[in-house]
Amino acid sequence: MPVGRIGQPSDIGKTAVFLASDDSSFMPGTELLIDGGMTYLAN
């Protein structure tokens, strides 16, 4: 479900910080789509 807004650079930055932190240590080998749900509209 699209979030209804254009993404901001901070959206990407927050995800990068999460991946670089210990909070993401239990996420081995996954792909994160950071597009506000737009991928689902294309299908």
C-alpha atoms as a PDB file:
ATOM      1  CA  MET A   1       0.000   0.000   0.000  1.00  0.00           C
ATOM      2  CA  PRO A   2       1.630   3.282  -1.064  1.00  0.00           C
ATOM      3  CA  VAL A   3       2.221   5.822   1.677  1.00  0.00           C
ATOM      4  CA  GLY A   4       0.987   8.721  -0.462  1.00  0.00           C
ATOM      5  CA  ARG A   5       3.986  11.032  -0.370  1.00  0.00           C
ATOM      6  CA  ILE A   6       7.296  11.548  -2.126  1.00  0.00           C
ATOM      7  CA  GLY A   7      10.252  10.095  -0.278  1.00  0.00           C
ATOM      8  CA  GLN A   8      12.802  12.348   1.354  1.00  0.00           C
ATOM      9  CA  PRO A   9      16.563  11.834   1.648  1.00  0.00           C
ATOM     10  CA  SER A  10      16.068  11.319   5.379  1.00  0.00           C
ATOM     11  CA  ASP A  11      13.956   8.234   4.610  1.00  0.00           C
ATOM     12  CA  ILE A  12      16.964   6.622   2.954  1.00  0.00           C
ATOM     13  CA  GLY A  13      19.317   7.925   5.647  1.00  0.00           C
ATOM     14  CA  LYS A  14      17.255   6.438   8.462  1.00  0.00           C
ATOM     15  CA  THR A  15      17.316   3.069   6.735  1.00  0.00           C
ATOM     16  CA  ALA A  16      21.077   3.255   6.227  1.00  0.00           C
ATOM     17  CA  VAL A  17      21.589   4.115   9.897  1.00  0.00           C
ATOM     18  CA  PHE A  18      19.384   1.182  10.906  1.00  0.00           C
ATOM     19  CA  LEU A  19      21.365  -1.227   8.720  1.00  0.00           C
ATOM     20  CA  ALA A  20      24.651   0.059  10.148  1.00  0.00           C
ATOM     21  CA  SER A  21      23.442  -0.325  13.735  1.00  0.00           C
ATOM     22  CA  ASP A  22      23.279  -3.339  16.024  1.00  0.00           C
ATOM     23  CA  ASP A  23      19.476  -3.224  15.692  1.00  0.00           C
ATOM     24  CA  SER A  24      19.782  -4.935  12.320  1.00  0.00           C
ATOM     25  CA  SER A  25      22.102  -7.722  13.534  1.00  0.00           C
ATOM     26  CA  PHE A  26      19.327 -10.342  13.267  1.00  0.00           C
ATOM     27  CA  MET A  27      18.638  -9.567   9.565  1.00  0.00           C
ATOM     28  CA  PRO A  28      20.928 -11.806   7.532  1.00  0.00           C
ATOM     29  CA  GLY A  29      20.777 -11.279   3.772  1.00  0.00           C
ATOM     30  CA  THR A  30      17.542  -9.502   3.042  1.00  0.00           C
ATOM     31  CA  GLU A  31      16.538  -6.935   0.445  1.00  0.00           C
ATOM     32  CA  LEU A  32      14.770  -3.839   1.712  1.00  0.00           C
ATOM     33  CA  LEU A  33      12.637  -1.836  -0.689  1.00  0.00           C
ATOM     34  CA  ILE A  34      12.609   1.785   0.377  1.00  0.00           C
ATOM     35  CA  ASP A  35      10.154   3.189  -2.116  1.00  0.00           C
ATOM     36  CA  GLY A  36       7.081   4.011  -0.064  1.00  0.00           C
ATOM     37  CA  GLY A  37       5.148   1.075  -1.491  1.00  0.00           C
ATOM     38  CA  MET A  38       5.437   2.112  -5.142  1.00  0.00           C
ATOM     39  CA  THR A  39       6.771  -1.320  -6.145  1.00  0.00           C
ATOM     40  CA  TYR A  40       3.377  -2.812  -5.380  1.00  0.00           C
ATOM     41  CA  LEU A  41       1.645  -0.398  -7.769  1.00  0.00           C
ATOM     42  CA  ALA A  42       3.782  -1.656 -10.656  1.00  0.00           C
ATOM     43  CA  ASN A  43       2.525  -5.236 -10.256  1.00  0.00           C
END
